[in-house]
């Protein structure tokens, strides 16, 4: 059985969150979690309570970046909710900026 080093696991979670807005964490290992019942809401509650951080779960090497990481994925998800057809992360990733 192959065991992935914990740092790589965290980078995988962060990468999916930042570039795809995905919070796929069946075992609650990532420091960002979602409220499933609010994921399709278009109310203010989506922004304020749809996602939350577990401060105690933030790895030491991400201390100080946790809020920026949280807000990045959260904003991406709001944009995806407003216009699901636009591939925002793909455009950012391939941009010549």
PDB file of N, CA and C in Angstrom:
ATOM      1  N   UNK A   1       0.842  -1.186   0.000  1.00  0.00           N
ATOM      2  CA  UNK A   1       0.000   0.000   0.000  1.00  0.00           C
ATOM      3  C   UNK A   1       0.884   1.245   0.000  1.00  0.00           C
ATOM      4  N   UNK A   2       0.583   2.163  -0.880  1.00  0.00           N
ATOM      5  CA  UNK A   2       1.330   3.411  -0.985  1.00  0.00           C
ATOM      6  C   UNK A   2       0.693   4.463  -0.092  1.00  0.00           C
ATOM      7  N   UNK A   3       1.518   5.118   0.705  1.00  0.00           N
ATOM      8  CA  UNK A   3       1.040   6.202   1.564  1.00  0.00           C
ATOM      9  C   UNK A   3       1.661   7.496   1.069  1.00  0.00           C
ATOM     10  N   UNK A   4       0.804   8.479   0.748  1.00  0.00           N
ATOM     11  CA  UNK A   4       1.273   9.772   0.253  1.00  0.00           C
ATOM     12  C   UNK A   4       1.746  10.620   1.425  1.00  0.00           C
ATOM     13  N   UNK A   5       2.911  11.258   1.309  1.00  0.00           N
ATOM     14  CA  UNK A   5       3.356  12.171   2.372  1.00  0.00           C
ATOM     15  C   UNK A   5       2.301  13.245   2.613  1.00  0.00           C
ATOM     16  N   UNK A   6       2.114  13.635   3.863  1.00  0.00           N
ATOM     17  CA  UNK A   6       1.041  14.568   4.214  1.00  0.00           C
ATOM     18  C   UNK A   6       1.161  15.902   3.495  1.00  0.00           C
ATOM     19  N   UNK A   7       2.365  16.372   3.245  1.00  0.00           N
ATOM     20  CA  UNK A   7       2.540  17.631   2.532  1.00  0.00           C
ATOM     21  C   UNK A   7       1.971  17.570   1.126  1.00  0.00           C
ATOM     22  N   UNK A   8       2.188  16.450   0.431  1.00  0.00           N
ATOM     23  CA  UNK A   8       1.658  16.291  -0.917  1.00  0.00           C
ATOM     24  C   UNK A   8       0.138  16.251  -0.909  1.00  0.00           C
ATOM     25  N   UNK A   9      -0.415  15.615   0.082  1.00  0.00           N
ATOM     26  CA  UNK A   9      -1.868  15.549   0.225  1.00  0.00           C
ATOM     27  C   UNK A   9      -2.431  16.964   0.399  1.00  0.00           C
ATOM     28  N   UNK A  10      -1.792  17.771   1.256  1.00  0.00           N
ATOM     29  CA  UNK A  10      -2.234  19.150   1.461  1.00  0.00           C
ATOM     30  C   UNK A  10      -2.116  19.964   0.179  1.00  0.00           C
ATOM     31  N   UNK A  11      -1.034  19.796  -0.560  1.00  0.00           N
ATOM     32  CA  UNK A  11      -0.873  20.534  -1.809  1.00  0.00           C
ATOM     33  C   UNK A  11      -1.944  20.144  -2.817  1.00  0.00           C
ATOM     34  N   UNK A  12      -2.317  18.884  -2.833  1.00  0.00           N
ATOM     35  CA  UNK A  12      -3.374  18.430  -3.730  1.00  0.00           C
ATOM     36  C   UNK A  12      -4.697  19.107  -3.383  1.00  0.00           C
ATOM     37  N   UNK A  13      -5.038  19.153  -2.107  1.00  0.00           N
ATOM     38  CA  UNK A  13      -6.259  19.834  -1.668  1.00  0.00           C
ATOM     39  C   UNK A  13      -6.217  21.307  -2.048  1.00  0.00           C
ATOM     40  N   UNK A  14      -5.102  21.977  -1.755  1.00  0.00           N
ATOM     41  CA  UNK A  14      -4.963  23.409  -2.033  1.00  0.00           C
ATOM     42  C   UNK A  14      -5.065  23.674  -3.536  1.00  0.00           C
ATOM     43  N   UNK A  15      -4.401  22.866  -4.334  1.00  0.00           N
ATOM     44  CA  UNK A  15      -4.428  23.041  -5.781  1.00  0.00           C
ATOM     45  C   UNK A  15      -5.855  22.918  -6.319  1.00  0.00           C
ATOM     46  N   UNK A  16      -6.577  21.895  -5.891  1.00  0.00           N
ATOM     47  CA  UNK A  16      -7.958  21.713  -6.355  1.00  0.00           C
ATOM     48  C   UNK A  16      -8.846  22.864  -5.898  1.00  0.00           C
ATOM     49  N   UNK A  17      -8.620  23.357  -4.685  1.00  0.00           N
ATOM     50  CA  UNK A  17      -9.426  24.450  -4.146  1.00  0.00           C
ATOM     51  C   UNK A  17      -9.153  25.754  -4.896  1.00  0.00           C
ATOM     52  N   UNK A  18      -7.888  26.091  -5.083  1.00  0.00           N
ATOM     53  CA  UNK A  18      -7.523  27.368  -5.707  1.00  0.00           C
ATOM     54  C   UNK A  18      -7.865  27.409  -7.202  1.00  0.00           C
ATOM     55  N   UNK A  19      -7.575  26.351  -7.927  1.00  0.00           N
ATOM     56  CA  UNK A  19      -7.730  26.385  -9.381  1.00  0.00           C
ATOM     57  C   UNK A  19      -9.058  25.839  -9.886  1.00  0.00           C
ATOM     58  N   UNK A  20      -9.748  25.030  -9.072  1.00  0.00           N
ATOM     59  CA  UNK A  20     -11.012  24.456  -9.522  1.00  0.00           C
ATOM     60  C   UNK A  20     -12.173  24.761  -8.576  1.00  0.00           C
ATOM     61  N   UNK A  21     -11.859  25.270  -7.392  1.00  0.00           N
ATOM     62  CA  UNK A  21     -12.900  25.547  -6.413  1.00  0.00           C
ATOM     63  C   UNK A  21     -13.492  24.279  -5.822  1.00  0.00           C
ATOM     64  N   UNK A  22     -12.741  23.183  -5.893  1.00  0.00           N
ATOM     65  CA  UNK A  22     -13.238  21.901  -5.402  1.00  0.00           C
ATOM     66  C   UNK A  22     -12.803  21.655  -3.966  1.00  0.00           C
ATOM     67  N   UNK A  23     -13.754  21.243  -3.176  1.00  0.00           N
ATOM     68  CA  UNK A  23     -13.491  20.902  -1.779  1.00  0.00           C
ATOM     69  C   UNK A  23     -13.934  19.453  -1.583  1.00  0.00           C
ATOM     70  N   UNK A  24     -13.157  18.541  -2.121  1.00  0.00           N
ATOM     71  CA  UNK A  24     -13.470  17.125  -2.061  1.00  0.00           C
ATOM     72  C   UNK A  24     -12.653  16.489  -0.951  1.00  0.00           C
ATOM     73  N   UNK A  25     -13.270  16.356   0.204  1.00  0.00           N
ATOM     74  CA  UNK A  25     -12.557  15.881   1.382  1.00  0.00           C
ATOM     75  C   UNK A  25     -13.464  14.972   2.204  1.00  0.00           C
ATOM     76  N   UNK A  26     -13.524  13.731   1.814  1.00  0.00           N
ATOM     77  CA  UNK A  26     -14.414  12.770   2.463  1.00  0.00           C
ATOM     78  C   UNK A  26     -14.054  12.502   3.927  1.00  0.00           C
ATOM     79  N   UNK A  27     -12.793  12.736   4.296  1.00  0.00           N
ATOM     80  CA  UNK A  27     -12.348  12.412   5.659  1.00  0.00           C
ATOM     81  C   UNK A  27     -12.066  13.648   6.517  1.00  0.00           C
ATOM     82  N   UNK A  28     -12.490  14.813   6.064  1.00  0.00           N
ATOM     83  CA  UNK A  28     -12.308  16.076   6.792  1.00  0.00           C
ATOM     84  C   UNK A  28     -10.847  16.300   7.177  1.00  0.00           C
ATOM     85  N   UNK A  29      -9.956  16.144   6.195  1.00  0.00           N
ATOM     86  CA  UNK A  29      -8.532  16.356   6.427  1.00  0.00           C
ATOM     87  C   UNK A  29      -8.093  17.767   6.042  1.00  0.00           C
ATOM     88  N   UNK A  30      -8.812  18.379   5.120  1.00  0.00           N
ATOM     89  CA  UNK A  30      -8.465  19.707   4.627  1.00  0.00           C
ATOM     90  C   UNK A  30      -9.012  20.758   5.588  1.00  0.00           C
ATOM     91  N   UNK A  31      -8.337  21.883   5.695  1.00  0.00           N
ATOM     92  CA  UNK A  31      -8.753  22.911   6.641  1.00  0.00           C
ATOM     93  C   UNK A  31      -9.938  23.740   6.148  1.00  0.00           C
ATOM     94  N   UNK A  32     -10.360  23.507   4.908  1.00  0.00           N
ATOM     95  CA  UNK A  32     -11.541  24.182   4.370  1.00  0.00           C
ATOM     96  C   UNK A  32     -12.623  23.139   4.154  1.00  0.00           C
ATOM     97  N   UNK A  33     -13.816  23.442   4.624  1.00  0.00           N
ATOM     98  CA  UNK A  33     -14.945  22.532   4.498  1.00  0.00           C
ATOM     99  C   UNK A  33     -16.132  23.288   3.914  1.00  0.00           C
ATOM    100  N   UNK A  34     -17.106  22.536   3.407  1.00  0.00           N
ATOM    101  CA  UNK A  34     -18.294  23.157   2.840  1.00  0.00           C
ATOM    102  C   UNK A  34     -19.551  22.699   3.557  1.00  0.00           C
ATOM    103  N   UNK A  35     -20.572  23.535   3.465  1.00  0.00           N
ATOM    104  CA  UNK A  35     -21.903  23.200   3.968  1.00  0.00           C
ATOM    105  C   UNK A  35     -22.703  22.715   2.762  1.00  0.00           C
ATOM    106  N   UNK A  36     -22.862  21.405   2.582  1.00  0.00           N
ATOM    107  CA  UNK A  36     -23.512  20.877   1.372  1.00  0.00           C
ATOM    108  C   UNK A  36     -24.899  21.462   1.089  1.00  0.00           C
ATOM    109  N   UNK A  37     -25.664  21.754   2.119  1.00  0.00           N
ATOM    110  CA  UNK A  37     -27.018  22.265   1.908  1.00  0.00           C
ATOM    111  C   UNK A  37     -27.041  23.694   1.355  1.00  0.00           C
ATOM    112  N   UNK A  38     -25.896  24.378   1.363  1.00  0.00           N
ATOM    113  CA  UNK A  38     -25.837  25.755   0.858  1.00  0.00           C
ATOM    114  C   UNK A  38     -25.149  25.878  -0.502  1.00  0.00           C
ATOM    115  N   UNK A  39     -24.721  24.767  -1.087  1.00  0.00           N
ATOM    116  CA  UNK A  39     -23.910  24.833  -2.301  1.00  0.00           C
ATOM    117  C   UNK A  39     -24.652  25.349  -3.525  1.00  0.00           C
ATOM    118  N   UNK A  40     -25.949  25.268  -3.578  1.00  0.00           N
ATOM    119  CA  UNK A  40     -26.690  25.778  -4.733  1.00  0.00           C
ATOM    120  C   UNK A  40     -27.468  27.042  -4.395  1.00  0.00           C
ATOM    121  N   UNK A  41     -27.306  27.533  -3.204  1.00  0.00           N
ATOM    122  CA  UNK A  41     -28.012  28.738  -2.777  1.00  0.00           C
ATOM    123  C   UNK A  41     -27.469  29.971  -3.488  1.00  0.00           C
ATOM    124  N   UNK A  42     -28.333  30.901  -3.761  1.00  0.00           N
ATOM    125  CA  UNK A  42     -27.909  32.177  -4.337  1.00  0.00           C
ATOM    126  C   UNK A  42     -28.210  33.303  -3.359  1.00  0.00           C
ATOM    127  N   UNK A  43     -28.307  32.950  -2.113  1.00  0.00           N
ATOM    128  CA  UNK A  43     -28.577  33.920  -1.063  1.00  0.00           C
ATOM    129  C   UNK A  43     -27.267  34.350  -0.407  1.00  0.00           C
ATOM    130  N   UNK A  44     -27.335  35.372   0.406  1.00  0.00           N
ATOM    131  CA  UNK A  44     -26.162  35.883   1.120  1.00  0.00           C
ATOM    132  C   UNK A  44     -25.521  34.798   1.993  1.00  0.00           C
ATOM    133  N   UNK A  45     -26.331  33.889   2.459  1.00  0.00           N
ATOM    134  CA  UNK A  45     -25.855  32.806   3.317  1.00  0.00           C
ATOM    135  C   UNK A  45     -24.797  31.945   2.628  1.00  0.00           C
ATOM    136  N   UNK A  46     -24.882  31.826   1.301  1.00  0.00           N
ATOM    137  CA  UNK A  46     -23.871  31.056   0.561  1.00  0.00           C
ATOM    138  C   UNK A  46     -22.489  31.640   0.814  1.00  0.00           C
ATOM    139  N   UNK A  47     -22.377  32.968   0.702  1.00  0.00           N
ATOM    140  CA  UNK A  47     -21.080  33.598   0.884  1.00  0.00           C
ATOM    141  C   UNK A  47     -20.620  33.555   2.330  1.00  0.00           C
ATOM    142  N   UNK A  48     -21.519  33.769   3.252  1.00  0.00           N
ATOM    143  CA  UNK A  48     -21.122  33.877   4.657  1.00  0.00           C
ATOM    144  C   UNK A  48     -20.959  32.521   5.355  1.00  0.00           C
ATOM    145  N   UNK A  49     -21.698  31.488   4.905  1.00  0.00           N
ATOM    146  CA  UNK A  49     -21.621  30.211   5.622  1.00  0.00           C
ATOM    147  C   UNK A  49     -21.439  28.987   4.735  1.00  0.00           C
ATOM    148  N   UNK A  50     -21.376  29.165   3.427  1.00  0.00           N
ATOM    149  CA  UNK A  50     -21.253  28.030   2.509  1.00  0.00           C
ATOM    150  C   UNK A  50     -19.951  27.256   2.676  1.00  0.00           C
ATOM    151  N   UNK A  51     -18.902  27.966   3.017  1.00  0.00           N
ATOM    152  CA  UNK A  51     -17.586  27.364   3.268  1.00  0.00           C
ATOM    153  C   UNK A  51     -17.065  27.900   4.589  1.00  0.00           C
ATOM    154  N   UNK A  52     -16.277  27.119   5.261  1.00  0.00           N
ATOM    155  CA  UNK A  52     -15.699  27.563   6.533  1.00  0.00           C
ATOM    156  C   UNK A  52     -14.320  26.947   6.710  1.00  0.00           C
ATOM    157  N   UNK A  53     -13.520  27.598   7.555  1.00  0.00           N
ATOM    158  CA  UNK A  53     -12.162  27.130   7.840  1.00  0.00           C
ATOM    159  C   UNK A  53     -12.104  26.511   9.222  1.00  0.00           C
ATOM    160  N   UNK A  54     -11.317  25.468   9.335  1.00  0.00           N
ATOM    161  CA  UNK A  54     -11.001  24.865  10.623  1.00  0.00           C
ATOM    162  C   UNK A  54      -9.569  25.292  10.932  1.00  0.00           C
ATOM    163  N   UNK A  55      -9.424  26.361  11.716  1.00  0.00           N
ATOM    164  CA  UNK A  55      -8.105  26.951  11.988  1.00  0.00           C
ATOM    165  C   UNK A  55      -7.112  25.939  12.569  1.00  0.00           C
ATOM    166  N   UNK A  56      -7.604  25.034  13.403  1.00  0.00           N
ATOM    167  CA  UNK A  56      -6.719  24.045  14.035  1.00  0.00           C
ATOM    168  C   UNK A  56      -6.155  23.051  13.023  1.00  0.00           C
ATOM    169  N   UNK A  57      -6.778  22.949  11.853  1.00  0.00           N
ATOM    170  CA  UNK A  57      -6.345  21.986  10.844  1.00  0.00           C
ATOM    171  C   UNK A  57      -5.391  22.593   9.814  1.00  0.00           C
ATOM    172  N   UNK A  58      -5.101  23.893   9.918  1.00  0.00           N
ATOM    173  CA  UNK A  58      -4.194  24.541   8.965  1.00  0.00           C
ATOM    174  C   UNK A  58      -2.775  24.048   9.226  1.00  0.00           C
ATOM    175  N   UNK A  59      -2.123  23.443   8.223  1.00  0.00           N
ATOM    176  CA  UNK A  59      -0.748  22.977   8.408  1.00  0.00           C
ATOM    177  C   UNK A  59       0.189  24.151   8.684  1.00  0.00           C
ATOM    178  N   UNK A  60       1.225  23.903   9.431  1.00  0.00           N
ATOM    179  CA  UNK A  60       2.170  24.952   9.805  1.00  0.00           C
ATOM    180  C   UNK A  60       2.743  25.710   8.623  1.00  0.00           C
ATOM    181  N   UNK A  61       3.038  25.000   7.539  1.00  0.00           N
ATOM    182  CA  UNK A  61       3.660  25.659   6.392  1.00  0.00           C
ATOM    183  C   UNK A  61       2.671  26.518   5.598  1.00  0.00           C
ATOM    184  N   UNK A  62       1.381  26.445   5.940  1.00  0.00           N
ATOM    185  CA  UNK A  62       0.384  27.291   5.292  1.00  0.00           C
ATOM    186  C   UNK A  62      -0.124  28.407   6.203  1.00  0.00           C
ATOM    187  N   UNK A  63       0.415  28.465   7.429  1.00  0.00           N
ATOM    188  CA  UNK A  63       0.031  29.543   8.346  1.00  0.00           C
ATOM    189  C   UNK A  63       0.360  30.877   7.692  1.00  0.00           C
ATOM    190  N   UNK A  64      -0.568  31.808   7.742  1.00  0.00           N
ATOM    191  CA  UNK A  64      -0.376  33.102   7.125  1.00  0.00           C
ATOM    192  C   UNK A  64      -0.892  33.169   5.697  1.00  0.00           C
ATOM    193  N   UNK A  65      -1.063  32.019   5.071  1.00  0.00           N
ATOM    194  CA  UNK A  65      -1.632  31.951   3.721  1.00  0.00           C
ATOM    195  C   UNK A  65      -3.056  31.421   3.745  1.00  0.00           C
ATOM    196  N   UNK A  66      -3.479  30.925   4.889  1.00  0.00           N
ATOM    197  CA  UNK A  66      -4.764  30.239   4.994  1.00  0.00           C
ATOM    198  C   UNK A  66      -5.952  31.101   4.586  1.00  0.00           C
ATOM    199  N   UNK A  67      -5.977  32.355   5.002  1.00  0.00           N
ATOM    200  CA  UNK A  67      -7.107  33.227   4.672  1.00  0.00           C
ATOM    201  C   UNK A  67      -7.133  33.514   3.169  1.00  0.00           C
ATOM    202  N   UNK A  68      -5.982  33.776   2.572  1.00  0.00           N
ATOM    203  CA  UNK A  68      -5.917  34.034   1.131  1.00  0.00           C
ATOM    204  C   UNK A  68      -6.344  32.800   0.335  1.00  0.00           C
ATOM    205  N   UNK A  69      -5.902  31.629   0.752  1.00  0.00           N
ATOM    206  CA  UNK A  69      -6.290  30.381   0.094  1.00  0.00           C
ATOM    207  C   UNK A  69      -7.796  30.190   0.199  1.00  0.00           C
ATOM    208  N   UNK A  70      -8.333  30.415   1.396  1.00  0.00           N
ATOM    209  CA  UNK A  70      -9.768  30.281   1.639  1.00  0.00           C
ATOM    210  C   UNK A  70     -10.565  31.220   0.740  1.00  0.00           C
ATOM    211  N   UNK A  71     -10.191  32.481   0.698  1.00  0.00           N
ATOM    212  CA  UNK A  71     -10.926  33.473  -0.088  1.00  0.00           C
ATOM    213  C   UNK A  71     -10.811  33.225  -1.585  1.00  0.00           C
ATOM    214  N   UNK A  72      -9.689  32.717  -2.027  1.00  0.00           N
ATOM    215  CA  UNK A  72      -9.483  32.442  -3.448  1.00  0.00           C
ATOM    216  C   UNK A  72     -10.481  31.396  -3.951  1.00  0.00           C
ATOM    217  N   UNK A  73     -10.527  30.262  -3.304  1.00  0.00           N
ATOM    218  CA  UNK A  73     -11.451  29.206  -3.714  1.00  0.00           C
ATOM    219  C   UNK A  73     -12.902  29.607  -3.537  1.00  0.00           C
ATOM    220  N   UNK A  74     -13.169  30.345  -2.477  1.00  0.00           N
ATOM    221  CA  UNK A  74     -14.525  30.803  -2.198  1.00  0.00           C
ATOM    222  C   UNK A  74     -15.002  31.751  -3.308  1.00  0.00           C
ATOM    223  N   UNK A  75     -14.173  32.689  -3.715  1.00  0.00           N
ATOM    224  CA  UNK A  75     -14.520  33.623  -4.785  1.00  0.00           C
ATOM    225  C   UNK A  75     -14.696  32.889  -6.115  1.00  0.00           C
ATOM    226  N   UNK A  76     -13.828  31.935  -6.392  1.00  0.00           N
ATOM    227  CA  UNK A  76     -13.941  31.146  -7.613  1.00  0.00           C
ATOM    228  C   UNK A  76     -15.276  30.417  -7.647  1.00  0.00           C
ATOM    229  N   UNK A  77     -15.674  29.856  -6.518  1.00  0.00           N
ATOM    230  CA  UNK A  77     -16.955  29.154  -6.459  1.00  0.00           C
ATOM    231  C   UNK A  77     -18.137  30.082  -6.651  1.00  0.00           C
ATOM    232  N   UNK A  78     -18.063  31.281  -6.138  1.00  0.00           N
ATOM    233  CA  UNK A  78     -19.137  32.251  -6.341  1.00  0.00           C
ATOM    234  C   UNK A  78     -19.257  32.597  -7.826  1.00  0.00           C
ATOM    235  N   UNK A  79     -18.119  32.805  -8.486  1.00  0.00           N
ATOM    236  CA  UNK A  79     -18.137  33.103  -9.920  1.00  0.00           C
ATOM    237  C   UNK A  79     -18.693  31.923 -10.719  1.00  0.00           C
ATOM    238  N   UNK A  80     -18.329  30.714 -10.342  1.00  0.00           N
ATOM    239  CA  UNK A  80     -18.846  29.526 -11.014  1.00  0.00           C
ATOM    240  C   UNK A  80     -20.346  29.375 -10.791  1.00  0.00           C
ATOM    241  N   UNK A  81     -20.820  29.736  -9.625  1.00  0.00           N
ATOM    242  CA  UNK A  81     -22.252  29.660  -9.331  1.00  0.00           C
ATOM    243  C   UNK A  81     -23.029  30.668 -10.177  1.00  0.00           C
ATOM    244  N   UNK A  82     -22.464  31.846 -10.352  1.00  0.00           N
ATOM    245  CA  UNK A  82     -23.127  32.890 -11.141  1.00  0.00           C
ATOM    246  C   UNK A  82     -23.143  32.567 -12.630  1.00  0.00           C
ATOM    247  N   UNK A  83     -22.092  31.931 -13.137  1.00  0.00           N
ATOM    248  CA  UNK A  83     -22.010  31.598 -14.558  1.00  0.00           C
ATOM    249  C   UNK A  83     -21.283  30.269 -14.732  1.00  0.00           C
ATOM    250  N   UNK A  84     -21.998  29.161 -14.598  1.00  0.00           N
ATOM    251  CA  UNK A  84     -21.366  27.829 -14.644  1.00  0.00           C
ATOM    252  C   UNK A  84     -20.700  27.470 -15.973  1.00  0.00           C
ATOM    253  N   UNK A  85     -21.077  28.130 -17.071  1.00  0.00           N
ATOM    254  CA  UNK A  85     -20.499  27.783 -18.374  1.00  0.00           C
ATOM    255  C   UNK A  85     -19.075  28.296 -18.558  1.00  0.00           C
ATOM    256  N   UNK A  86     -18.690  29.322 -17.817  1.00  0.00           N
ATOM    257  CA  UNK A  86     -17.364  29.909 -17.977  1.00  0.00           C
ATOM    258  C   UNK A  86     -16.338  29.087 -17.203  1.00  0.00           C
ATOM    259  N   UNK A  87     -15.289  28.699 -17.873  1.00  0.00           N
ATOM    260  CA  UNK A  87     -14.208  27.928 -17.260  1.00  0.00           C
ATOM    261  C   UNK A  87     -13.148  28.903 -16.743  1.00  0.00           C
ATOM    262  N   UNK A  88     -13.418  29.510 -15.606  1.00  0.00           N
ATOM    263  CA  UNK A  88     -12.580  30.575 -15.060  1.00  0.00           C
ATOM    264  C   UNK A  88     -11.160  30.102 -14.777  1.00  0.00           C
ATOM    265  N   UNK A  89     -11.032  29.007 -14.061  1.00  0.00           N
ATOM    266  CA  UNK A  89      -9.705  28.525 -13.679  1.00  0.00           C
ATOM    267  C   UNK A  89      -8.889  28.174 -14.917  1.00  0.00           C
ATOM    268  N   UNK A  90      -9.517  27.598 -15.918  1.00  0.00           N
ATOM    269  CA  UNK A  90      -8.805  27.249 -17.144  1.00  0.00           C
ATOM    270  C   UNK A  90      -8.268  28.511 -17.808  1.00  0.00           C
ATOM    271  N   UNK A  91      -9.085  29.560 -17.856  1.00  0.00           N
ATOM    272  CA  UNK A  91      -8.647  30.809 -18.474  1.00  0.00           C
ATOM    273  C   UNK A  91      -7.505  31.429 -17.691  1.00  0.00           C
ATOM    274  N   UNK A  92      -7.584  31.388 -16.368  1.00  0.00           N
ATOM    275  CA  UNK A  92      -6.506  31.936 -15.546  1.00  0.00           C
ATOM    276  C   UNK A  92      -5.228  31.140 -15.737  1.00  0.00           C
ATOM    277  N   UNK A  93      -5.344  29.824 -15.795  1.00  0.00           N
ATOM    278  CA  UNK A  93      -4.197  28.930 -15.889  1.00  0.00           C
ATOM    279  C   UNK A  93      -3.471  29.099 -17.223  1.00  0.00           C
ATOM    280  N   UNK A  94      -4.227  29.361 -18.318  1.00  0.00           N
ATOM    281  CA  UNK A  94      -3.626  29.435 -19.638  1.00  0.00           C
ATOM    282  C   UNK A  94      -3.409  30.859 -20.111  1.00  0.00           C
ATOM    283  N   UNK A  95      -3.700  31.823 -19.267  1.00  0.00           N
ATOM    284  CA  UNK A  95      -3.582  33.236 -19.639  1.00  0.00           C
ATOM    285  C   UNK A  95      -2.127  33.623 -19.884  1.00  0.00           C
ATOM    286  N   UNK A  96      -1.932  34.572 -20.793  1.00  0.00           N
ATOM    287  CA  UNK A  96      -0.593  35.086 -21.086  1.00  0.00           C
ATOM    288  C   UNK A  96      -0.287  36.356 -20.312  1.00  0.00           C
ATOM    289  N   UNK A  97      -0.963  36.567 -19.206  1.00  0.00           N
ATOM    290  CA  UNK A  97      -0.752  37.776 -18.406  1.00  0.00           C
ATOM    291  C   UNK A  97       0.640  37.832 -17.840  1.00  0.00           C
TER     292      UNK A  97
END
